[in-house]
All heavy atoms as atom14 arrays in JSON, in Angstrom:
{
  "sequence": "DSVKGRFTISRDNAKRTTYLQMNSLKPEDTAVYYCNLKRGVDYWGKG",
  "atom14_mask": [
    [1, 1, 1, 1, 1, 1, 1, 1, 0, 0, 0, 0, 0, 0],
    [1, 1, 1, 1, 1, 1, 0, 0, 0, 0, 0, 0, 0, 0],
    [1, 1, 1, 1, 1, 1, 1, 0, 0, 0, 0, 0, 0, 0],
    [1, 1, 1, 1, 1, 1, 1, 1, 1, 0, 0, 0, 0, 0],
    [1, 1, 1, 1, 0, 0, 0, 0, 0, 0, 0, 0, 0, 0],
    [1, 1, 1, 1, 1, 1, 1, 1, 1, 1, 1, 0, 0, 0],
    [1, 1, 1, 1, 1, 1, 1, 1, 1, 1, 1, 0, 0, 0],
    [1, 1, 1, 1, 1, 1, 1, 0, 0, 0, 0, 0, 0, 0],
    [1, 1, 1, 1, 1, 1, 1, 1, 0, 0, 0, 0, 0, 0],
    [1, 1, 1, 1, 1, 1, 0, 0, 0, 0, 0, 0, 0, 0],
    [1, 1, 1, 1, 1, 1, 1, 1, 1, 1, 1, 0, 0, 0],
    [1, 1, 1, 1, 1, 1, 1, 1, 0, 0, 0, 0, 0, 0],
    [1, 1, 1, 1, 1, 1, 1, 1, 0, 0, 0, 0, 0, 0],
    [1, 1, 1, 1, 1, 0, 0, 0, 0, 0, 0, 0, 0, 0],
    [1, 1, 1, 1, 1, 1, 1, 1, 1, 0, 0, 0, 0, 0],
    [1, 1, 1, 1, 1, 1, 1, 1, 1, 1, 1, 0, 0, 0],
    [1, 1, 1, 1, 1, 1, 1, 0, 0, 0, 0, 0, 0, 0],
    [1, 1, 1, 1, 1, 1, 1, 0, 0, 0, 0, 0, 0, 0],
    [1, 1, 1, 1, 1, 1, 1, 1, 1, 1, 1, 1, 0, 0],
    [1, 1, 1, 1, 1, 1, 1, 1, 0, 0, 0, 0, 0, 0],
    [1, 1, 1, 1, 1, 1, 1, 1, 1, 0, 0, 0, 0, 0],
    [1, 1, 1, 1, 1, 1, 1, 1, 0, 0, 0, 0, 0, 0],
    [1, 1, 1, 1, 1, 1, 1, 1, 0, 0, 0, 0, 0, 0],
    [1, 1, 1, 1, 1, 1, 0, 0, 0, 0, 0, 0, 0, 0],
    [1, 1, 1, 1, 1, 1, 1, 1, 0, 0, 0, 0, 0, 0],
    [1, 1, 1, 1, 1, 1, 1, 1, 1, 0, 0, 0, 0, 0],
    [1, 1, 1, 1, 1, 1, 1, 0, 0, 0, 0, 0, 0, 0],
    [1, 1, 1, 1, 1, 1, 1, 1, 1, 0, 0, 0, 0, 0],
    [1, 1, 1, 1, 1, 1, 1, 1, 0, 0, 0, 0, 0, 0],
    [1, 1, 1, 1, 1, 1, 1, 0, 0, 0, 0, 0, 0, 0],
    [1, 1, 1, 1, 1, 0, 0, 0, 0, 0, 0, 0, 0, 0],
    [1, 1, 1, 1, 1, 1, 1, 0, 0, 0, 0, 0, 0, 0],
    [1, 1, 1, 1, 1, 1, 1, 1, 1, 1, 1, 1, 0, 0],
    [1, 1, 1, 1, 1, 1, 1, 1, 1, 1, 1, 1, 0, 0],
    [1, 1, 1, 1, 1, 1, 0, 0, 0, 0, 0, 0, 0, 0],
    [1, 1, 1, 1, 1, 1, 1, 1, 0, 0, 0, 0, 0, 0],
    [1, 1, 1, 1, 1, 1, 1, 1, 0, 0, 0, 0, 0, 0],
    [1, 1, 1, 1, 1, 1, 1, 1, 1, 0, 0, 0, 0, 0],
    [1, 1, 1, 1, 1, 1, 1, 1, 1, 1, 1, 0, 0, 0],
    [1, 1, 1, 1, 0, 0, 0, 0, 0, 0, 0, 0, 0, 0],
    [1, 1, 1, 1, 1, 1, 1, 0, 0, 0, 0, 0, 0, 0],
    [1, 1, 1, 1, 1, 1, 1, 1, 0, 0, 0, 0, 0, 0],
    [1, 1, 1, 1, 1, 1, 1, 1, 1, 1, 1, 1, 0, 0],
    [1, 1, 1, 1, 1, 1, 1, 1, 1, 1, 1, 1, 1, 1],
    [1, 1, 1, 1, 0, 0, 0, 0, 0, 0, 0, 0, 0, 0],
    [1, 1, 1, 1, 1, 1, 1, 1, 1, 0, 0, 0, 0, 0],
    [1, 1, 1, 1, 0, 0, 0, 0, 0, 0, 0, 0, 0, 0]
  ],
  "atom14_positions": [
    [[6.47, -10.12, -15.03], [7.36, -9.16, -15.64], [6.61, -7.96, -16.23], [7.11, -6.84, -16.22], [8.18, -9.83, -16.75], [9.23, -10.78, -16.2], [9.56, -10.68, -15.0], [9.72, -11.61, -16.97], [0.0, 0.0, 0.0], [0.0, 0.0, 0.0], [0.0, 0.0, 0.0], [0.0, 0.0, 0.0], [0.0, 0.0, 0.0], [0.0, 0.0, 0.0]],
    [[5.43, -8.2, -16.71], [4.65, -7.16, -17.37], [4.2, -6.05, -16.42], [3.82, -4.97, -16.88], [3.42, -7.76, -18.07], [2.61, -8.43, -17.15], [0.0, 0.0, 0.0], [0.0, 0.0, 0.0], [0.0, 0.0, 0.0], [0.0, 0.0, 0.0], [0.0, 0.0, 0.0], [0.0, 0.0, 0.0], [0.0, 0.0, 0.0], [0.0, 0.0, 0.0]],
    [[4.2, -6.33, -15.11], [3.71, -5.3, -14.17], [4.79, -4.85, -13.18], [4.54, -3.94, -12.36], [2.47, -5.81, -13.38], [1.41, -6.29, -14.35], [2.83, -6.89, -12.38], [0.0, 0.0, 0.0], [0.0, 0.0, 0.0], [0.0, 0.0, 0.0], [0.0, 0.0, 0.0], [0.0, 0.0, 0.0], [0.0, 0.0, 0.0], [0.0, 0.0, 0.0]],
    [[5.97, -5.43, -13.23], [7.06, -5.06, -12.3], [7.35, -3.57, -12.4], [7.47, -3.01, -13.47], [8.32, -5.86, -12.6], [8.32, -7.24, -11.97], [9.62, -7.98, -12.31], [9.59, -9.39, -11.74], [10.81, -10.14, -12.13], [0.0, 0.0, 0.0], [0.0, 0.0, 0.0], [0.0, 0.0, 0.0], [0.0, 0.0, 0.0], [0.0, 0.0, 0.0]],
    [[7.48, -2.94, -11.23], [7.77, -1.53, -11.18], [6.54, -0.64, -11.3], [6.65, 0.57, -11.05], [0.0, 0.0, 0.0], [0.0, 0.0, 0.0], [0.0, 0.0, 0.0], [0.0, 0.0, 0.0], [0.0, 0.0, 0.0], [0.0, 0.0, 0.0], [0.0, 0.0, 0.0], [0.0, 0.0, 0.0], [0.0, 0.0, 0.0], [0.0, 0.0, 0.0]],
    [[5.41, -1.23, -11.64], [4.16, -0.44, -11.73], [3.1, -0.84, -10.71], [2.35, -0.01, -10.28], [3.58, -0.6, -13.16], [4.5, -0.13, -14.26], [3.8, -0.13, -15.61], [3.35, -1.45, -16.02], [2.08, -1.76, -16.28], [1.14, -0.84, -16.19], [1.76, -2.99, -16.65], [0.0, 0.0, 0.0], [0.0, 0.0, 0.0], [0.0, 0.0, 0.0]],
    [[3.05, -2.14, -10.4], [2.04, -2.66, -9.5], [2.7, -3.02, -8.13], [3.87, -3.47, -8.12], [1.38, -3.94, -10.05], [0.46, -3.7, -11.2], [0.41, -2.5, -11.88], [-0.36, -4.73, -11.64], [-0.42, -2.3, -12.96], [-1.22, -4.54, -12.71], [-1.23, -3.34, -13.36], [0.0, 0.0, 0.0], [0.0, 0.0, 0.0], [0.0, 0.0, 0.0]],
    [[1.96, -2.88, -7.05], [2.41, -3.26, -5.76], [1.33, -4.02, -5.02], [0.22, -3.53, -4.87], [2.81, -2.04, -4.92], [3.81, -1.28, -5.6], [3.35, -2.46, -3.56], [0.0, 0.0, 0.0], [0.0, 0.0, 0.0], [0.0, 0.0, 0.0], [0.0, 0.0, 0.0], [0.0, 0.0, 0.0], [0.0, 0.0, 0.0], [0.0, 0.0, 0.0]],
    [[1.66, -5.24, -4.59], [0.73, -6.04, -3.79], [1.04, -5.84, -2.33], [2.23, -5.74, -1.94], [0.77, -7.53, -4.18], [-0.35, -8.3, -3.5], [2.11, -8.13, -3.91], [-0.48, -9.73, -4.02], [0.0, 0.0, 0.0], [0.0, 0.0, 0.0], [0.0, 0.0, 0.0], [0.0, 0.0, 0.0], [0.0, 0.0, 0.0], [0.0, 0.0, 0.0]],
    [[0.02, -5.76, -1.5], [0.21, -5.63, -0.07], [-0.96, -6.28, 0.65], [-1.92, -6.69, 0.01], [0.31, -4.15, 0.34], [-0.86, -3.45, 0.02], [0.0, 0.0, 0.0], [0.0, 0.0, 0.0], [0.0, 0.0, 0.0], [0.0, 0.0, 0.0], [0.0, 0.0, 0.0], [0.0, 0.0, 0.0], [0.0, 0.0, 0.0], [0.0, 0.0, 0.0]],
    [[-0.86, -6.39, 1.98], [-1.95, -7.0, 2.75], [-2.02, -6.39, 4.13], [-1.01, -5.95, 4.67], [-1.75, -8.52, 2.82], [-0.54, -8.96, 3.62], [-0.28, -10.46, 3.43], [-1.35, -11.27, 4.04], [-1.55, -12.53, 3.72], [-0.85, -13.16, 2.78], [-2.54, -13.23, 4.3], [0.0, 0.0, 0.0], [0.0, 0.0, 0.0], [0.0, 0.0, 0.0]],
    [[-3.22, -6.41, 4.67], [-3.47, -5.98, 6.05], [-4.16, -7.17, 6.73], [-5.36, -7.4, 6.53], [-4.35, -4.74, 6.06], [-4.56, -4.19, 7.45], [-4.53, -4.98, 8.44], [-4.82, -2.97, 7.55], [0.0, 0.0, 0.0], [0.0, 0.0, 0.0], [0.0, 0.0, 0.0], [0.0, 0.0, 0.0], [0.0, 0.0, 0.0], [0.0, 0.0, 0.0]],
    [[-3.39, -7.94, 7.49], [-3.94, -9.13, 8.1], [-5.04, -8.83, 9.11], [-5.98, -9.62, 9.26], [-2.83, -9.94, 8.76], [-1.99, -10.67, 7.71], [-2.37, -10.83, 6.56], [-0.8, -11.12, 8.12], [0.0, 0.0, 0.0], [0.0, 0.0, 0.0], [0.0, 0.0, 0.0], [0.0, 0.0, 0.0], [0.0, 0.0, 0.0], [0.0, 0.0, 0.0]],
    [[-4.96, -7.67, 9.75], [-6.01, -7.32, 10.73], [-7.34, -7.08, 10.01], [-8.42, -7.33, 10.57], [-5.59, -6.06, 11.49], [0.0, 0.0, 0.0], [0.0, 0.0, 0.0], [0.0, 0.0, 0.0], [0.0, 0.0, 0.0], [0.0, 0.0, 0.0], [0.0, 0.0, 0.0], [0.0, 0.0, 0.0], [0.0, 0.0, 0.0], [0.0, 0.0, 0.0]],
    [[-7.29, -6.54, 8.78], [-8.5, -6.3, 8.01], [-8.84, -7.44, 7.06], [-9.82, -7.36, 6.32], [-8.32, -5.01, 7.22], [-8.23, -3.77, 8.11], [-8.14, -2.51, 7.26], [-8.08, -1.27, 8.15], [-7.96, -0.01, 7.32], [0.0, 0.0, 0.0], [0.0, 0.0, 0.0], [0.0, 0.0, 0.0], [0.0, 0.0, 0.0], [0.0, 0.0, 0.0]],
    [[-8.02, -8.49, 7.04], [-8.22, -9.62, 6.19], [-8.35, -9.19, 4.71], [-9.19, -9.69, 3.95], [-9.47, -10.42, 6.61], [-9.44, -10.85, 8.04], [-10.76, -11.48, 8.46], [-11.03, -12.66, 7.65], [-10.56, -13.88, 7.94], [-9.81, -14.07, 9.0], [-10.86, -14.91, 7.18], [0.0, 0.0, 0.0], [0.0, 0.0, 0.0], [0.0, 0.0, 0.0]],
    [[-7.51, -8.26, 4.34], [-7.64, -7.65, 3.01], [-6.28, -7.65, 2.28], [-5.25, -7.37, 2.89], [-8.16, -6.22, 3.12], [-9.47, -6.27, 3.75], [-8.31, -5.58, 1.77], [0.0, 0.0, 0.0], [0.0, 0.0, 0.0], [0.0, 0.0, 0.0], [0.0, 0.0, 0.0], [0.0, 0.0, 0.0], [0.0, 0.0, 0.0], [0.0, 0.0, 0.0]],
    [[-6.35, -7.97, 1.0], [-5.19, -7.9, 0.12], [-5.46, -6.75, -0.86], [-6.58, -6.59, -1.33], [-5.02, -9.2, -0.65], [-5.03, -10.31, 0.26], [-3.72, -9.2, -1.45], [0.0, 0.0, 0.0], [0.0, 0.0, 0.0], [0.0, 0.0, 0.0], [0.0, 0.0, 0.0], [0.0, 0.0, 0.0], [0.0, 0.0, 0.0], [0.0, 0.0, 0.0]],
    [[-4.38, -6.02, -1.18], [-4.5, -4.85, -2.06], [-3.61, -5.05, -3.29], [-2.6, -5.75, -3.23], [-4.09, -3.59, -1.36], [-4.86, -3.27, -0.11], [-4.34, -3.64, 1.16], [-6.12, -2.69, -0.17], [-5.07, -3.37, 2.32], [-6.83, -2.43, 0.99], [-6.31, -2.77, 2.21], [-7.02, -2.53, 3.36], [0.0, 0.0, 0.0], [0.0, 0.0, 0.0]],
    [[-4.0, -4.38, -4.36], [-3.15, -4.29, -5.55], [-3.17, -2.84, -6.01], [-4.18, -2.36, -6.53], [-3.61, -5.21, -6.67], [-2.65, -5.28, -7.87], [-1.36, -5.96, -7.48], [-3.32, -6.06, -9.02], [0.0, 0.0, 0.0], [0.0, 0.0, 0.0], [0.0, 0.0, 0.0], [0.0, 0.0, 0.0], [0.0, 0.0, 0.0], [0.0, 0.0, 0.0]],
    [[-2.08, -2.13, -5.71], [-1.92, -0.76, -6.19], [-1.36, -0.8, -7.6], [-0.31, -1.36, -7.82], [-0.98, 0.01, -5.27], [-0.73, 1.44, -5.71], [-1.96, 2.33, -5.63], [-2.71, 2.29, -4.65], [-2.18, 3.15, -6.66], [0.0, 0.0, 0.0], [0.0, 0.0, 0.0], [0.0, 0.0, 0.0], [0.0, 0.0, 0.0], [0.0, 0.0, 0.0]],
    [[-2.1, -0.19, -8.55], [-1.69, -0.24, -9.94], [-1.45, 1.18, -10.43], [-2.37, 2.01, -10.44], [-2.8, -0.89, -10.79], [-3.19, -2.28, -10.26], [-4.4, -3.12, -11.32], [-5.79, -2.0, -11.19], [0.0, 0.0, 0.0], [0.0, 0.0, 0.0], [0.0, 0.0, 0.0], [0.0, 0.0, 0.0], [0.0, 0.0, 0.0], [0.0, 0.0, 0.0]],
    [[-0.23, 1.45, -10.8], [0.17, 2.78, -11.3], [0.61, 2.67, -12.75], [0.88, 1.6, -13.26], [1.31, 3.33, -10.45], [0.93, 3.52, -9.0], [-0.23, 3.79, -8.68], [1.9, 3.37, -8.12], [0.0, 0.0, 0.0], [0.0, 0.0, 0.0], [0.0, 0.0, 0.0], [0.0, 0.0, 0.0], [0.0, 0.0, 0.0], [0.0, 0.0, 0.0]],
    [[0.7, 3.83, -13.4], [1.14, 3.87, -14.81], [0.41, 2.86, -15.65], [1.01, 2.12, -16.45], [2.67, 3.65, -14.9], [3.36, 4.62, -14.09], [0.0, 0.0, 0.0], [0.0, 0.0, 0.0], [0.0, 0.0, 0.0], [0.0, 0.0, 0.0], [0.0, 0.0, 0.0], [0.0, 0.0, 0.0], [0.0, 0.0, 0.0], [0.0, 0.0, 0.0]],
    [[-0.9, 2.83, -15.51], [-1.7, 1.81, -16.21], [-1.64, 1.99, -17.71], [-1.57, 3.12, -18.24], [-3.15, 1.87, -15.72], [-3.34, 1.19, -14.35], [-4.62, 1.66, -13.69], [-3.34, -0.31, -14.49], [0.0, 0.0, 0.0], [0.0, 0.0, 0.0], [0.0, 0.0, 0.0], [0.0, 0.0, 0.0], [0.0, 0.0, 0.0], [0.0, 0.0, 0.0]],
    [[-1.67, 0.85, -18.4], [-1.61, 0.78, -19.84], [-2.87, 0.13, -20.41], [-3.5, -0.66, -19.68], [-0.39, -0.03, -20.29], [0.93, 0.46, -19.72], [2.05, -0.49, -20.11], [3.37, -0.04, -19.55], [4.5, -0.95, -19.94], [0.0, 0.0, 0.0], [0.0, 0.0, 0.0], [0.0, 0.0, 0.0], [0.0, 0.0, 0.0], [0.0, 0.0, 0.0]],
    [[-3.21, 0.38, -21.63], [-4.4, -0.29, -22.21], [-4.3, -1.83, -22.1], [-5.32, -2.49, -21.91], [-4.39, 0.19, -23.67], [-3.74, 1.52, -23.61], [-2.68, 1.41, -22.55], [0.0, 0.0, 0.0], [0.0, 0.0, 0.0], [0.0, 0.0, 0.0], [0.0, 0.0, 0.0], [0.0, 0.0, 0.0], [0.0, 0.0, 0.0], [0.0, 0.0, 0.0]],
    [[-3.12, -2.34, -22.18], [-2.96, -3.81, -22.1], [-3.18, -4.36, -20.68], [-3.16, -5.57, -20.47], [-1.59, -4.22, -22.61], [-0.4, -3.53, -22.01], [0.06, -2.37, -22.9], [-0.8, -1.61, -23.4], [1.3, -2.22, -23.08], [0.0, 0.0, 0.0], [0.0, 0.0, 0.0], [0.0, 0.0, 0.0], [0.0, 0.0, 0.0], [0.0, 0.0, 0.0]],
    [[-3.35, -3.48, -19.72], [-3.7, -3.92, -18.36], [-5.22, -4.15, -18.23], [-5.68, -4.64, -17.19], [-3.28, -2.89, -17.31], [-1.78, -2.73, -17.23], [-1.08, -3.77, -17.24], [-1.3, -1.57, -17.14], [0.0, 0.0, 0.0], [0.0, 0.0, 0.0], [0.0, 0.0, 0.0], [0.0, 0.0, 0.0], [0.0, 0.0, 0.0], [0.0, 0.0, 0.0]],
    [[-5.97, -3.82, -19.26], [-7.4, -4.06, -19.23], [-7.72, -5.51, -19.08], [-7.25, -6.36, -19.85], [-8.06, -3.52, -20.53], [-7.9, -2.07, -20.59], [-9.54, -3.88, -20.59], [0.0, 0.0, 0.0], [0.0, 0.0, 0.0], [0.0, 0.0, 0.0], [0.0, 0.0, 0.0], [0.0, 0.0, 0.0], [0.0, 0.0, 0.0], [0.0, 0.0, 0.0]],
    [[-8.5, -5.85, -18.04], [-8.79, -7.24, -17.72], [-9.75, -7.29, -16.52], [-9.96, -6.27, -15.85], [-7.53, -8.01, -17.36], [0.0, 0.0, 0.0], [0.0, 0.0, 0.0], [0.0, 0.0, 0.0], [0.0, 0.0, 0.0], [0.0, 0.0, 0.0], [0.0, 0.0, 0.0], [0.0, 0.0, 0.0], [0.0, 0.0, 0.0], [0.0, 0.0, 0.0]],
    [[-10.26, -8.48, -16.28], [-10.92, -8.73, -15.02], [-9.86, -9.23, -14.06], [-9.13, -10.17, -14.38], [-12.05, -9.76, -15.17], [-12.7, -10.04, -13.81], [-13.11, -9.26, -16.15], [0.0, 0.0, 0.0], [0.0, 0.0, 0.0], [0.0, 0.0, 0.0], [0.0, 0.0, 0.0], [0.0, 0.0, 0.0], [0.0, 0.0, 0.0], [0.0, 0.0, 0.0]],
    [[-9.78, -8.64, -12.88], [-8.77, -8.97, -11.88], [-9.43, -9.82, -10.77], [-10.48, -9.44, -10.26], [-8.15, -7.71, -11.32], [-7.19, -7.07, -12.26], [-7.63, -6.4, -13.41], [-5.79, -7.13, -12.05], [-6.72, -5.83, -14.3], [-4.9, -6.56, -12.93], [-5.4, -5.9, -14.05], [-4.48, -5.35, -14.94], [0.0, 0.0, 0.0], [0.0, 0.0, 0.0]],
    [[-8.75, -10.93, -10.49], [-9.28, -11.89, -9.51], [-8.32, -12.05, -8.35], [-7.1, -12.16, -8.53], [-9.47, -13.23, -10.15], [-10.48, -13.28, -11.31], [-10.06, -13.11, -12.6], [-11.82, -13.54, -11.03], [-10.96, -13.13, -13.64], [-12.74, -13.59, -12.07], [-12.31, -13.4, -13.35], [-13.23, -13.44, -14.4], [0.0, 0.0, 0.0], [0.0, 0.0, 0.0]],
    [[-8.89, -12.17, -7.18], [-8.16, -12.54, -5.99], [-8.17, -14.07, -5.87], [-9.16, -14.72, -6.25], [-8.89, -11.93, -4.8], [-8.07, -12.09, -3.22], [0.0, 0.0, 0.0], [0.0, 0.0, 0.0], [0.0, 0.0, 0.0], [0.0, 0.0, 0.0], [0.0, 0.0, 0.0], [0.0, 0.0, 0.0], [0.0, 0.0, 0.0], [0.0, 0.0, 0.0]],
    [[-7.04, -14.63, -5.42], [-6.91, -16.1, -5.36], [-6.33, -16.58, -4.05], [-5.35, -15.99, -3.54], [-6.05, -16.55, -6.52], [-5.64, -18.02, -6.43], [-4.57, -18.35, -5.94], [-6.52, -18.88, -6.91], [0.0, 0.0, 0.0], [0.0, 0.0, 0.0], [0.0, 0.0, 0.0], [0.0, 0.0, 0.0], [0.0, 0.0, 0.0], [0.0, 0.0, 0.0]],
    [[-6.89, -17.68, -3.55], [-6.35, -18.4, -2.42], [-6.1, -19.84, -2.85], [-6.98, -20.45, -3.48], [-7.37, -18.41, -1.25], [-7.13, -19.43, -0.14], [-5.91, -19.07, 0.68], [-8.37, -19.58, 0.73], [0.0, 0.0, 0.0], [0.0, 0.0, 0.0], [0.0, 0.0, 0.0], [0.0, 0.0, 0.0], [0.0, 0.0, 0.0], [0.0, 0.0, 0.0]],
    [[-4.91, -20.32, -2.53], [-4.61, -21.74, -2.81], [-4.59, -22.47, -1.46], [-3.68, -22.25, -0.65], [-3.24, -21.87, -3.52], [-3.24, -21.23, -4.88], [-1.97, -21.47, -5.64], [-1.97, -20.76, -6.96], [-3.06, -21.19, -7.86], [0.0, 0.0, 0.0], [0.0, 0.0, 0.0], [0.0, 0.0, 0.0], [0.0, 0.0, 0.0], [0.0, 0.0, 0.0]],
    [[-5.58, -23.31, -1.29], [-5.68, -24.09, -0.04], [-6.16, -25.47, -0.4], [-7.34, -25.83, -0.28], [-6.64, -23.43, 0.96], [-6.54, -24.01, 2.39], [-7.52, -23.37, 3.32], [-8.89, -23.78, 3.09], [-9.9, -23.59, 3.95], [-9.67, -22.94, 5.07], [-11.1, -23.97, 3.65], [0.0, 0.0, 0.0], [0.0, 0.0, 0.0], [0.0, 0.0, 0.0]],
    [[-5.25, -26.26, -0.99], [-5.63, -27.55, -1.54], [-6.23, -27.4, -2.93], [-5.78, -28.02, -3.86], [0.0, 0.0, 0.0], [0.0, 0.0, 0.0], [0.0, 0.0, 0.0], [0.0, 0.0, 0.0], [0.0, 0.0, 0.0], [0.0, 0.0, 0.0], [0.0, 0.0, 0.0], [0.0, 0.0, 0.0], [0.0, 0.0, 0.0], [0.0, 0.0, 0.0]],
    [[-7.22, -26.55, -3.03], [-7.76, -26.18, -4.32], [-7.7, -24.68, -4.44], [-7.35, -23.99, -3.49], [-9.25, -26.66, -4.43], [-9.33, -28.19, -4.36], [-10.11, -26.01, -3.34], [0.0, 0.0, 0.0], [0.0, 0.0, 0.0], [0.0, 0.0, 0.0], [0.0, 0.0, 0.0], [0.0, 0.0, 0.0], [0.0, 0.0, 0.0], [0.0, 0.0, 0.0]],
    [[-8.04, -24.22, -5.65], [-8.04, -22.77, -5.88], [-9.42, -22.21, -5.52], [-10.44, -22.73, -5.92], [-7.76, -22.48, -7.33], [-6.29, -22.54, -7.66], [-5.48, -21.95, -6.94], [-5.94, -23.18, -8.67], [0.0, 0.0, 0.0], [0.0, 0.0, 0.0], [0.0, 0.0, 0.0], [0.0, 0.0, 0.0], [0.0, 0.0, 0.0], [0.0, 0.0, 0.0]],
    [[-9.38, -21.09, -4.76], [-10.58, -20.33, -4.5], [-10.44, -18.98, -5.23], [-9.37, -18.38, -5.21], [-10.76, -20.09, -2.99], [-11.05, -21.35, -2.23], [-10.03, -22.13, -1.69], [-12.39, -21.77, -2.01], [-10.28, -23.29, -0.98], [-12.63, -22.93, -1.3], [-11.61, -23.69, -0.78], [-11.86, -24.85, -0.1], [0.0, 0.0, 0.0], [0.0, 0.0, 0.0]],
    [[-11.57, -18.53, -5.78], [-11.59, -17.31, -6.56], [-12.7, -16.4, -6.13], [-13.79, -16.86, -5.74], [-11.78, -17.62, -8.05], [-10.75, -18.52, -8.64], [-10.82, -19.88, -8.76], [-9.49, -18.15, -9.2], [-9.69, -20.35, -9.35], [-8.86, -19.33, -9.63], [-8.83, -16.92, -9.37], [-7.59, -19.32, -10.23], [-7.59, -16.91, -9.94], [-6.97, -18.1, -10.38]],
    [[-12.45, -15.1, -6.22], [-13.55, -14.17, -6.13], [-14.26, -14.04, -7.46], [-13.87, -14.72, -8.42], [0.0, 0.0, 0.0], [0.0, 0.0, 0.0], [0.0, 0.0, 0.0], [0.0, 0.0, 0.0], [0.0, 0.0, 0.0], [0.0, 0.0, 0.0], [0.0, 0.0, 0.0], [0.0, 0.0, 0.0], [0.0, 0.0, 0.0], [0.0, 0.0, 0.0]],
    [[-15.23, -13.15, -7.53], [-15.96, -12.98, -8.79], [-15.24, -12.03, -9.75], [-15.6, -11.95, -10.93], [-17.37, -12.45, -8.49], [-18.25, -13.46, -7.78], [-19.66, -12.92, -7.58], [-20.52, -13.97, -6.88], [-21.92, -13.48, -6.69], [0.0, 0.0, 0.0], [0.0, 0.0, 0.0], [0.0, 0.0, 0.0], [0.0, 0.0, 0.0], [0.0, 0.0, 0.0]],
    [[-14.25, -11.32, -9.22], [-13.46, -10.45, -10.05], [-13.96, -9.01, -10.11], [-15.12, -8.75, -9.78], [0.0, 0.0, 0.0], [0.0, 0.0, 0.0], [0.0, 0.0, 0.0], [0.0, 0.0, 0.0], [0.0, 0.0, 0.0], [0.0, 0.0, 0.0], [0.0, 0.0, 0.0], [0.0, 0.0, 0.0], [0.0, 0.0, 0.0], [0.0, 0.0, 0.0]]
  ]
}
């Protein structure tokens, strides 16, 4: 709910890439952002 209308997630399967477009950023959006895959267990990037 905190990002609805401001963030957009998308993917390009040919490039094996997921995107997060973040607009109208607020100070409370400050964080480390991680990509996640759920395949039996959770896989994470370094952020």
